[in-house]
N, C-alpha and C. Protein backbone atom coordinates (compact mmCIF):
# COMPACT_ATOMS: atom_id res chain seq x y z
N MET A 1 0.57 -0.87 0.19
CA MET A 1 -0.09 -0.12 0.12
C MET A 1 0.80 1.39 0.08
N MET A 2 0.38 2.28 -0.94
CA MET A 2 1.36 3.26 -1.06
C MET A 2 1.05 4.37 0.24
N GLY A 3 1.73 5.37 0.71
CA GLY A 3 1.39 6.09 1.57
C GLY A 3 1.00 7.36 0.90
N VAL A 4 0.19 8.34 1.44
CA VAL A 4 0.16 9.86 0.81
C VAL A 4 1.15 10.39 1.14
N LYS A 5 1.58 11.05 0.63
CA LYS A 5 2.60 12.46 0.55
C LYS A 5 1.79 13.52 1.59
N VAL A 6 2.51 14.04 2.91
CA VAL A 6 1.94 14.72 3.42
C VAL A 6 2.69 16.56 3.01
N ARG A 7 2.08 17.37 2.40
CA ARG A 7 2.61 18.53 2.07
C ARG A 7 2.68 19.60 3.48
N LEU A 8 3.93 19.57 3.60
CA LEU A 8 4.23 20.45 5.19
C LEU A 8 3.58 22.01 4.78
N THR A 9 3.52 22.69 5.63
CA THR A 9 3.20 24.17 5.74
C THR A 9 4.28 24.73 6.62
N ALA A 10 4.34 26.30 6.21
CA ALA A 10 5.14 27.18 7.07
C ALA A 10 4.97 27.10 8.61
N ALA A 11 3.85 26.94 8.80
CA ALA A 11 4.13 26.38 10.64
C ALA A 11 4.49 25.01 10.86
N ASP A 12 4.31 24.39 9.79
CA ASP A 12 5.19 23.04 10.58
C ASP A 12 6.36 23.56 10.71
N LEU A 13 6.98 23.97 9.55
CA LEU A 13 8.54 24.04 9.33
C LEU A 13 8.92 24.84 10.69
N TRP A 14 8.50 25.81 11.04
CA TRP A 14 8.69 26.43 12.29
C TRP A 14 8.68 25.76 13.48
N ARG A 15 8.01 25.00 13.34
CA ARG A 15 7.58 24.09 14.66
C ARG A 15 8.65 23.28 14.95
N MET A 16 9.66 22.75 13.51
CA MET A 16 10.71 21.99 13.43
C MET A 16 11.94 22.42 14.46
N GLY A 17 11.89 23.96 14.50
CA GLY A 17 12.83 24.68 15.21
C GLY A 17 14.23 24.80 14.78
N GLU A 18 14.92 25.79 15.31
CA GLU A 18 16.46 25.78 14.42
C GLU A 18 16.99 24.92 14.25
N GLY A 19 17.20 23.83 15.27
CA GLY A 19 18.20 22.57 15.07
C GLY A 19 19.69 23.01 14.65
N ASP A 20 20.17 22.13 13.73
CA ASP A 20 21.57 22.55 13.60
C ASP A 20 21.64 22.35 12.25
N VAL A 21 20.56 22.58 11.33
CA VAL A 21 20.70 22.80 9.70
C VAL A 21 19.71 23.59 9.50
N ARG A 22 20.22 24.32 8.42
CA ARG A 22 19.38 25.54 7.56
C ARG A 22 18.29 24.67 6.60
N ARG A 23 17.06 25.27 6.96
CA ARG A 23 16.10 24.46 5.73
C ARG A 23 15.23 25.59 5.25
N GLU A 24 14.81 25.01 4.06
CA GLU A 24 13.61 25.82 3.27
C GLU A 24 12.53 25.11 3.17
N LEU A 25 11.60 25.80 2.72
CA LEU A 25 9.98 24.35 2.46
C LEU A 25 9.65 25.02 0.56
N VAL A 26 9.43 23.99 0.25
CA VAL A 26 9.44 24.38 -1.48
C VAL A 26 8.38 23.01 -1.77
N ASP A 27 7.24 23.45 -1.96
CA ASP A 27 6.14 22.56 -2.55
C ASP A 27 5.98 21.65 -1.76
N GLY A 28 5.88 21.96 -0.22
CA GLY A 28 5.65 21.24 0.72
C GLY A 28 6.45 20.56 1.33
N GLU A 29 7.89 20.21 0.94
CA GLU A 29 8.74 19.60 1.15
C GLU A 29 10.19 20.43 1.67
N VAL A 30 10.37 19.97 2.73
CA VAL A 30 11.55 20.46 3.62
C VAL A 30 12.93 20.21 2.90
N ILE A 31 13.77 21.38 2.59
CA ILE A 31 15.12 21.44 1.53
C ILE A 31 15.94 21.74 2.68
N GLU A 32 16.79 21.08 3.19
CA GLU A 32 17.71 20.87 4.17
C GLU A 32 19.33 21.35 3.11
N MET A 33 20.03 22.12 3.53
CA MET A 33 21.01 22.70 2.98
C MET A 33 22.41 22.43 3.93
N SER A 34 23.23 22.60 3.34
CA SER A 34 24.44 21.85 3.93
C SER A 34 25.21 23.21 4.54
N PRO A 35 25.68 22.70 5.36
CA PRO A 35 26.84 24.10 6.32
C PRO A 35 27.74 24.20 5.14
N VAL A 36 27.87 25.93 5.58
CA VAL A 36 28.78 26.62 4.70
C VAL A 36 30.25 26.84 4.76
N GLY A 37 31.03 26.90 3.32
CA GLY A 37 32.35 27.11 3.85
C GLY A 37 32.74 28.93 4.67
N GLY A 38 33.70 28.77 4.58
CA GLY A 38 34.63 30.04 5.34
C GLY A 38 34.27 30.71 4.34
N VAL A 39 34.61 30.92 3.27
CA VAL A 39 34.90 32.27 2.17
C VAL A 39 33.30 32.64 2.21
N HIS A 40 32.42 31.67 2.17
CA HIS A 40 31.17 32.13 1.93
C HIS A 40 30.85 32.68 3.14
N GLY A 41 30.84 32.31 4.45
CA GLY A 41 30.56 32.80 5.67
C GLY A 41 31.10 34.59 5.82
N HIS A 42 32.41 34.63 5.47
CA HIS A 42 33.38 35.97 5.13
C HIS A 42 32.76 36.72 4.50
N VAL A 43 32.09 36.52 3.30
CA VAL A 43 31.44 37.45 2.20
C VAL A 43 30.27 38.02 2.85
N ALA A 44 29.84 36.98 3.25
CA ALA A 44 28.44 37.46 3.63
C ALA A 44 28.44 38.21 4.86
N ALA A 45 29.20 38.12 5.79
CA ALA A 45 29.23 38.85 6.88
C ALA A 45 30.15 40.57 6.55
N ARG A 46 30.46 40.22 5.43
CA ARG A 46 30.84 41.50 4.75
C ARG A 46 29.87 42.09 4.06
N VAL A 47 29.04 41.60 3.45
CA VAL A 47 27.73 42.26 3.16
C VAL A 47 26.47 42.66 4.02
N THR A 48 26.94 41.60 4.73
CA THR A 48 25.93 42.14 6.52
C THR A 48 26.29 43.35 6.65
N SER A 49 27.64 43.64 7.29
CA SER A 49 28.59 44.51 7.44
C SER A 49 28.21 46.01 6.93
N ARG A 50 28.55 46.01 5.34
CA ARG A 50 28.09 47.25 4.95
C ARG A 50 26.54 47.53 4.99
N LEU A 51 25.27 46.91 4.63
CA LEU A 51 23.93 46.92 5.01
C LEU A 51 24.07 47.48 6.36
N SER A 52 24.33 46.94 7.55
CA SER A 52 24.19 47.25 8.45
C SER A 52 24.70 48.86 8.78
N ARG A 53 25.92 49.35 8.60
CA ARG A 53 26.58 50.49 8.60
C ARG A 53 25.24 51.32 7.59
N TYR A 54 25.24 50.70 6.45
CA TYR A 54 24.08 51.98 5.39
C TYR A 54 22.92 52.21 6.24
N LEU A 55 22.22 51.22 7.16
CA LEU A 55 20.99 51.28 7.62
C LEU A 55 21.30 52.27 9.17
N GLU A 56 22.34 52.29 9.90
CA GLU A 56 22.58 53.37 10.93
C GLU A 56 22.84 54.18 11.02
N ALA A 57 23.45 54.59 9.23
CA ALA A 57 23.37 55.92 8.95
C ALA A 57 22.16 56.97 8.63
N HIS A 58 21.14 55.78 7.63
CA HIS A 58 20.28 56.42 7.03
C HIS A 58 18.69 55.84 7.74
N GLY A 59 18.67 54.63 8.46
CA GLY A 59 17.65 53.94 9.04
C GLY A 59 16.59 53.48 7.62
N GLY A 60 15.51 53.15 7.78
CA GLY A 60 14.70 52.35 7.07
C GLY A 60 14.20 51.03 6.97
N GLY A 61 14.81 50.20 8.14
CA GLY A 61 14.55 48.99 8.05
C GLY A 61 15.69 48.30 8.32
N TRP A 62 15.69 47.05 8.29
CA TRP A 62 16.44 46.33 8.84
C TRP A 62 17.13 44.53 8.38
N VAL A 63 18.51 44.81 8.77
CA VAL A 63 18.88 43.82 7.64
C VAL A 63 19.06 42.64 8.73
N VAL A 64 18.82 41.00 8.18
CA VAL A 64 19.04 40.07 8.65
C VAL A 64 19.78 38.64 8.02
N VAL A 65 20.30 38.01 8.78
CA VAL A 65 21.10 37.06 7.90
C VAL A 65 21.00 35.83 8.44
N GLY A 66 21.28 34.81 7.36
CA GLY A 66 21.65 33.14 8.04
C GLY A 66 19.85 32.67 8.03
N ASP A 67 19.25 32.07 8.81
CA ASP A 67 18.32 31.25 8.85
C ASP A 67 17.08 31.81 8.97
N VAL A 68 16.70 33.06 8.45
CA VAL A 68 15.66 34.07 8.77
C VAL A 68 14.71 33.64 7.49
N GLY A 69 13.44 32.71 8.07
CA GLY A 69 12.60 32.18 6.78
C GLY A 69 11.40 33.90 6.16
N PHE A 70 11.65 33.65 4.65
CA PHE A 70 10.33 34.31 4.40
C PHE A 70 9.40 33.34 3.63
N ILE A 71 8.02 33.62 4.11
CA ILE A 71 6.94 32.88 3.67
C ILE A 71 6.57 33.94 2.18
N LEU A 72 6.85 33.48 0.79
CA LEU A 72 6.63 33.70 -0.09
C LEU A 72 5.24 33.81 -0.46
N ARG A 73 4.77 33.13 -0.48
CA ARG A 73 3.17 33.43 -0.84
C ARG A 73 2.91 33.22 -1.94
N LEU A 74 3.67 32.37 -2.57
CA LEU A 74 3.44 32.09 -4.63
C LEU A 74 2.49 31.72 -4.58
N PRO A 75 1.57 31.80 -5.64
CA PRO A 75 0.40 31.74 -6.02
C PRO A 75 0.29 29.94 -6.35
N TRP A 76 1.55 29.11 -7.00
CA TRP A 76 1.39 28.06 -6.81
C TRP A 76 2.17 26.86 -5.54
N ASP A 77 2.53 27.97 -4.96
CA ASP A 77 3.16 27.43 -3.69
C ASP A 77 3.18 28.39 -2.52
N PRO A 78 1.86 28.73 -1.72
CA PRO A 78 1.57 29.98 -1.17
C PRO A 78 2.33 29.41 0.42
N GLU A 79 2.99 28.24 0.65
CA GLU A 79 3.88 28.12 1.69
C GLU A 79 5.31 28.29 1.71
N ARG A 80 5.74 28.58 0.11
CA ARG A 80 7.27 28.75 0.19
C ARG A 80 8.02 29.17 1.07
N VAL A 81 9.25 28.84 1.58
CA VAL A 81 9.74 29.40 2.94
C VAL A 81 10.85 29.81 2.10
N ARG A 82 11.91 30.88 2.27
CA ARG A 82 13.27 30.85 1.54
C ARG A 82 14.01 31.28 2.67
N ALA A 83 15.02 31.09 2.40
CA ALA A 83 16.24 31.88 3.63
C ALA A 83 17.18 32.18 3.32
N PRO A 84 17.05 33.50 2.72
CA PRO A 84 18.32 33.95 1.98
C PRO A 84 19.45 34.23 3.06
N ASP A 85 20.63 34.26 2.55
CA ASP A 85 22.21 34.50 3.47
C ASP A 85 22.07 35.85 4.08
N VAL A 86 21.39 36.65 3.18
CA VAL A 86 21.62 38.15 3.89
C VAL A 86 20.37 38.98 3.06
N ALA A 87 19.66 39.55 4.02
CA ALA A 87 18.20 40.02 3.52
C ALA A 87 17.93 41.31 4.36
N PHE A 88 17.36 42.46 3.36
CA PHE A 88 16.98 43.67 3.57
C PHE A 88 15.48 44.30 3.69
N ILE A 89 14.47 44.37 4.57
CA ILE A 89 13.11 44.42 4.76
C ILE A 89 13.26 46.15 5.25
N ALA A 90 12.33 46.70 4.43
CA ALA A 90 12.20 47.89 4.88
C ALA A 90 11.24 47.95 5.94
N ALA A 91 11.50 49.01 6.73
CA ALA A 91 10.42 48.78 7.72
C ALA A 91 9.14 49.46 7.35
N GLU A 92 8.96 50.16 6.16
CA GLU A 92 7.09 50.30 5.87
C GLU A 92 6.54 49.09 5.74
N ARG A 93 7.46 47.88 5.16
CA ARG A 93 6.68 46.58 4.92
C ARG A 93 6.15 45.66 5.81
N LEU A 94 6.86 46.23 7.05
CA LEU A 94 6.30 45.37 8.34
C LEU A 94 5.29 46.32 9.47
N PRO A 95 4.40 45.43 9.70
CA PRO A 95 3.16 45.41 10.44
C PRO A 95 4.02 46.71 11.51
N GLU A 96 3.23 47.81 12.01
CA GLU A 96 4.21 48.35 12.97
C GLU A 96 5.19 48.76 13.13
N GLY A 97 5.84 48.45 11.55
CA GLY A 97 7.39 48.98 11.70
C GLY A 97 8.45 47.85 12.40
N LYS A 98 8.06 46.39 12.79
CA LYS A 98 8.83 46.23 13.60
C LYS A 98 8.99 44.77 13.38
N LEU A 99 10.01 43.66 13.43
CA LEU A 99 10.03 42.41 12.95
C LEU A 99 9.38 41.45 14.02
N PRO A 100 9.12 40.47 13.45
CA PRO A 100 8.22 39.30 14.07
C PRO A 100 9.07 38.64 14.38
N ALA A 101 8.52 37.97 15.56
CA ALA A 101 8.88 36.73 16.42
C ALA A 101 9.69 35.47 15.23
N GLY A 102 8.63 35.02 14.55
CA GLY A 102 8.77 34.37 13.84
C GLY A 102 9.05 34.45 12.19
N PHE A 103 8.68 33.60 11.12
CA PHE A 103 9.06 34.11 9.76
C PHE A 103 8.62 35.26 9.49
N ILE A 104 8.96 35.59 8.44
CA ILE A 104 8.50 37.52 7.73
C ILE A 104 7.78 36.91 6.85
N GLU A 105 6.30 37.65 6.62
CA GLU A 105 5.38 37.37 5.64
C GLU A 105 5.92 38.14 4.47
N GLY A 106 6.08 37.59 3.32
CA GLY A 106 6.46 38.55 1.81
C GLY A 106 8.14 38.07 1.37
N ALA A 107 8.32 38.78 0.66
CA ALA A 107 9.75 38.46 0.02
C ALA A 107 10.35 39.63 0.81
N PRO A 108 12.01 39.31 0.95
CA PRO A 108 12.93 40.95 1.58
C PRO A 108 12.45 41.86 0.40
N ASP A 109 12.99 43.16 1.00
CA ASP A 109 13.01 43.99 -0.52
C ASP A 109 14.46 43.42 -1.13
N LEU A 110 15.67 43.48 -0.48
CA LEU A 110 16.95 42.67 -1.35
C LEU A 110 17.11 41.73 -0.63
N ALA A 111 17.42 40.58 -1.09
CA ALA A 111 17.63 39.11 -1.04
C ALA A 111 19.19 38.79 -1.67
N VAL A 112 19.79 38.25 -0.61
CA VAL A 112 21.18 38.20 -1.42
C VAL A 112 21.92 36.73 -0.80
N GLU A 113 21.88 36.04 -1.82
CA GLU A 113 22.66 34.56 -2.09
C GLU A 113 23.99 34.63 -2.26
N VAL A 114 24.57 34.09 -1.49
CA VAL A 114 25.76 34.11 -1.60
C VAL A 114 26.55 32.52 -2.16
N LEU A 115 26.88 32.58 -3.46
CA LEU A 115 27.20 30.83 -4.05
C LEU A 115 28.48 30.28 -3.27
N SER A 116 28.18 29.38 -3.14
CA SER A 116 28.95 28.08 -2.32
C SER A 116 29.81 27.27 -3.99
N PRO A 117 30.87 26.58 -3.83
CA PRO A 117 31.30 25.49 -4.88
C PRO A 117 30.14 24.68 -4.99
N ASN A 118 29.18 24.08 -4.55
CA ASN A 118 28.36 22.76 -4.42
C ASN A 118 27.15 23.37 -5.00
N ASP A 119 27.18 24.78 -5.27
CA ASP A 119 25.72 25.36 -5.23
C ASP A 119 25.07 24.88 -6.72
N ASN A 120 23.28 24.56 -6.57
CA ASN A 120 23.25 24.07 -7.95
C ASN A 120 22.50 25.19 -9.05
N ALA A 121 23.21 25.35 -10.18
CA ALA A 121 22.50 26.73 -11.04
C ALA A 121 21.14 26.64 -11.23
N VAL A 122 20.37 25.73 -11.22
CA VAL A 122 19.03 25.50 -11.45
C VAL A 122 18.76 26.08 -10.37
N ASP A 123 19.06 25.30 -8.75
CA ASP A 123 17.82 25.90 -7.76
C ASP A 123 18.38 27.59 -7.64
N LEU A 124 19.63 27.68 -7.82
CA LEU A 124 19.73 28.87 -7.45
C LEU A 124 18.72 29.96 -8.41
N GLN A 125 18.69 29.74 -9.67
CA GLN A 125 17.72 30.34 -10.66
C GLN A 125 16.04 30.56 -9.69
N GLN A 126 15.98 29.52 -9.41
CA GLN A 126 14.57 28.99 -8.41
C GLN A 126 14.24 29.74 -7.19
N LYS A 127 15.69 30.30 -7.25
CA LYS A 127 15.35 30.96 -5.51
C LYS A 127 15.38 32.35 -5.99
N VAL A 128 16.14 32.95 -7.34
CA VAL A 128 15.87 34.19 -7.59
C VAL A 128 14.58 34.42 -8.56
N ARG A 129 14.17 33.51 -8.64
CA ARG A 129 12.41 33.69 -9.33
C ARG A 129 11.46 33.77 -8.49
N ASP A 130 11.51 32.93 -7.22
CA ASP A 130 10.83 32.65 -6.11
C ASP A 130 10.47 34.16 -5.40
N TYR A 131 11.93 34.93 -5.03
CA TYR A 131 12.04 36.14 -4.33
C TYR A 131 11.59 37.74 -5.52
N LEU A 132 11.63 37.67 -6.67
CA LEU A 132 11.70 38.54 -7.61
C LEU A 132 9.90 38.14 -7.40
N GLU A 133 9.22 36.96 -8.22
CA GLU A 133 7.70 36.40 -7.77
C GLU A 133 7.36 37.24 -6.98
N ALA A 134 7.83 36.71 -5.68
CA ALA A 134 7.09 36.82 -4.26
C ALA A 134 6.93 39.11 -4.26
N GLY A 135 7.67 39.39 -4.47
CA GLY A 135 7.76 40.76 -4.36
C GLY A 135 9.25 41.87 -4.28
N ALA A 136 10.20 40.92 -4.24
CA ALA A 136 11.37 41.21 -4.16
C ALA A 136 12.30 42.45 -5.17
N ARG A 137 12.67 43.79 -4.25
CA ARG A 137 12.75 44.59 -5.43
C ARG A 137 14.05 44.58 -6.24
N ARG A 138 14.96 43.94 -5.15
CA ARG A 138 16.34 43.40 -5.89
C ARG A 138 17.07 42.12 -4.96
N VAL A 139 17.77 40.94 -6.50
CA VAL A 139 17.86 39.84 -5.56
C VAL A 139 19.86 40.15 -6.32
N TRP A 140 20.67 40.03 -5.35
CA TRP A 140 22.28 39.95 -5.58
C TRP A 140 22.67 38.35 -5.57
N VAL A 141 23.25 38.22 -6.44
CA VAL A 141 23.87 37.20 -6.43
C VAL A 141 25.40 37.15 -6.07
N VAL A 142 25.97 36.67 -5.23
CA VAL A 142 27.66 36.89 -5.18
C VAL A 142 28.60 35.97 -5.00
N ALA A 143 28.98 35.96 -6.08
CA ALA A 143 29.79 34.85 -6.67
C ALA A 143 31.39 34.83 -5.94
N PRO A 144 31.65 34.66 -4.71
CA PRO A 144 32.96 34.97 -4.91
C PRO A 144 34.29 34.19 -5.16
N GLU A 145 33.89 32.79 -5.70
CA GLU A 145 35.09 32.38 -6.69
C GLU A 145 35.49 33.30 -7.76
N ALA A 146 33.89 33.70 -8.60
CA ALA A 146 34.32 34.09 -9.76
C ALA A 146 34.84 35.73 -9.30
N ARG A 147 34.83 36.17 -8.16
CA ARG A 147 34.64 37.37 -7.53
C ARG A 147 33.46 38.62 -8.40
N THR A 148 32.62 38.04 -8.03
CA THR A 148 31.25 38.87 -9.10
C THR A 148 29.82 39.03 -8.13
N VAL A 149 29.17 40.05 -8.91
CA VAL A 149 27.92 40.08 -8.36
C VAL A 149 27.01 40.58 -9.49
N THR A 150 25.87 39.48 -9.48
CA THR A 150 24.97 39.66 -10.62
C THR A 150 23.65 40.23 -9.76
N VAL A 151 22.95 41.40 -10.32
CA VAL A 151 21.76 42.61 -9.90
C VAL A 151 20.73 42.02 -10.41
N TYR A 152 19.38 41.44 -9.96
CA TYR A 152 18.40 40.61 -10.61
C TYR A 152 17.11 41.77 -10.34
N ARG A 153 16.61 42.38 -11.06
CA ARG A 153 15.79 43.15 -11.14
C ARG A 153 14.02 42.60 -11.25
N PRO A 154 12.85 42.96 -10.51
CA PRO A 154 11.74 42.29 -10.87
C PRO A 154 11.12 42.77 -12.14
N ASP A 155 12.05 43.46 -13.02
CA ASP A 155 11.57 43.71 -14.59
C ASP A 155 12.47 42.64 -15.15
N GLY A 156 12.83 41.37 -15.14
CA GLY A 156 13.71 40.91 -15.92
C GLY A 156 14.88 41.23 -16.30
N THR A 157 15.23 42.25 -15.89
CA THR A 157 16.80 42.85 -16.31
C THR A 157 17.59 42.52 -15.09
N ALA A 158 19.03 42.28 -15.44
CA ALA A 158 20.01 41.73 -14.52
C ALA A 158 21.27 42.79 -14.84
N ARG A 159 22.20 42.87 -13.88
CA ARG A 159 23.39 43.54 -14.13
C ARG A 159 24.06 42.56 -13.80
N PHE A 160 25.63 42.19 -14.44
CA PHE A 160 26.64 41.71 -14.11
C PHE A 160 27.83 42.74 -13.79
N LEU A 161 28.21 42.73 -12.24
CA LEU A 161 29.19 43.30 -12.07
C LEU A 161 30.75 42.65 -11.83
N ARG A 162 31.80 43.28 -12.22
CA ARG A 162 33.02 42.42 -11.94
C ARG A 162 33.94 42.98 -10.75
N GLU A 163 34.74 42.74 -10.41
CA GLU A 163 35.58 43.10 -9.11
C GLU A 163 36.06 44.20 -8.92
N HIS A 164 36.30 44.77 -10.52
CA HIS A 164 36.80 46.76 -10.14
C HIS A 164 35.50 47.55 -10.28
N GLU A 165 34.21 47.08 -10.06
CA GLU A 165 32.58 48.09 -9.94
C GLU A 165 32.80 47.86 -8.78
N VAL A 166 31.12 48.46 -8.46
CA VAL A 166 30.79 49.13 -7.61
C VAL A 166 29.25 48.55 -7.63
N LEU A 167 29.14 48.18 -6.72
CA LEU A 167 27.78 47.54 -6.23
C LEU A 167 26.93 48.40 -5.48
N GLU A 168 25.67 49.08 -5.99
CA GLU A 168 24.86 50.33 -5.56
C GLU A 168 23.38 49.36 -5.39
N GLY A 169 23.13 50.45 -4.03
CA GLY A 169 21.55 50.36 -3.62
C GLY A 169 20.43 50.47 -4.27
N GLU A 170 20.71 50.97 -5.70
CA GLU A 170 19.86 51.85 -6.22
C GLU A 170 18.73 52.36 -5.61
N GLU A 171 17.26 52.35 -5.71
CA GLU A 171 16.28 52.87 -5.18
C GLU A 171 16.04 52.21 -4.01
N VAL A 172 16.49 50.86 -3.91
CA VAL A 172 16.16 49.84 -2.60
C VAL A 172 17.00 50.71 -1.41
N LEU A 173 18.17 51.31 -1.49
CA LEU A 173 19.01 51.51 -0.58
C LEU A 173 19.85 52.83 -1.37
N PRO A 174 19.00 53.86 -1.29
CA PRO A 174 19.68 55.05 -2.22
C PRO A 174 21.04 55.62 -1.62
N GLY A 175 21.92 55.57 -2.40
CA GLY A 175 23.07 56.00 -1.86
C GLY A 175 24.32 55.13 -1.34
N LEU A 176 23.50 53.90 -0.97
CA LEU A 176 24.30 52.61 -1.16
C LEU A 176 25.74 52.38 -2.15
N ALA A 177 26.96 52.30 -1.81
CA ALA A 177 27.76 51.81 -3.11
C ALA A 177 28.89 51.28 -2.27
N ILE A 178 29.04 49.67 -2.81
CA ILE A 178 29.99 49.15 -1.97
C ILE A 178 30.89 48.19 -3.46
N PRO A 179 32.07 48.84 -3.41
CA PRO A 179 33.11 48.45 -4.22
C PRO A 179 33.48 46.82 -3.86
N LEU A 180 33.01 46.28 -4.94
CA LEU A 180 33.24 44.87 -5.04
C LEU A 180 34.61 43.99 -4.58
N ALA A 181 35.38 45.23 -4.89
CA ALA A 181 36.94 44.62 -4.45
C ALA A 181 37.28 44.74 -2.69
N GLU A 182 36.10 45.18 -2.21
CA GLU A 182 36.26 45.38 -0.49
C GLU A 182 35.18 43.63 -0.21
N LEU A 183 34.33 43.46 -0.73
CA LEU A 183 33.60 42.18 -0.77
C LEU A 183 34.74 41.35 -0.86
N PHE A 184 35.23 41.08 -1.79
CA PHE A 184 36.03 39.75 -2.13
C PHE A 184 37.41 39.86 -1.77
N GLY A 185 37.95 41.22 -0.92
CA GLY A 185 38.97 41.49 -0.29
C GLY A 185 39.54 40.33 0.87
N SER A 186 41.02 40.06 1.16
CA SER A 186 41.15 39.38 1.86
C SER A 186 41.13 39.31 3.23
């Protein structure tokens, strides 16, 4: 006798707790992610630091890192939960301008994914699509090994930046400018 596969919800994922592995929820199934390496963690920390300094000076929202879940409410998968490496959420998008104790409803304004050598290109493109379809205003895919960043926009355009160029916050974080050499420096 074949069993019926149970489709999990965001609430089920939340009840699993933090544990020692990062998880996302895609099509009702838990996806576990491997721990990341040192370069990945260092680059994510540098992005976080630059975003945090910008927000300390300008205000306007929060930067969160690591395992923070966003319930994307996609029409084809309303319980999809993604956890970008780094994210920015504008204050006006949150009820009462405060971060919730649980998962955050909707996409972040900016989702940042830092590539690891074992990342799957198809999975990465699906994540970018998920964030944008759910309302993200920008997605940055940071590639430490290639020393590049690709900026994705909701209108379908993308910009590929090399190490000697500057990553800008555009209208999401006006005035933010991060020289890529600073992100990838030793």
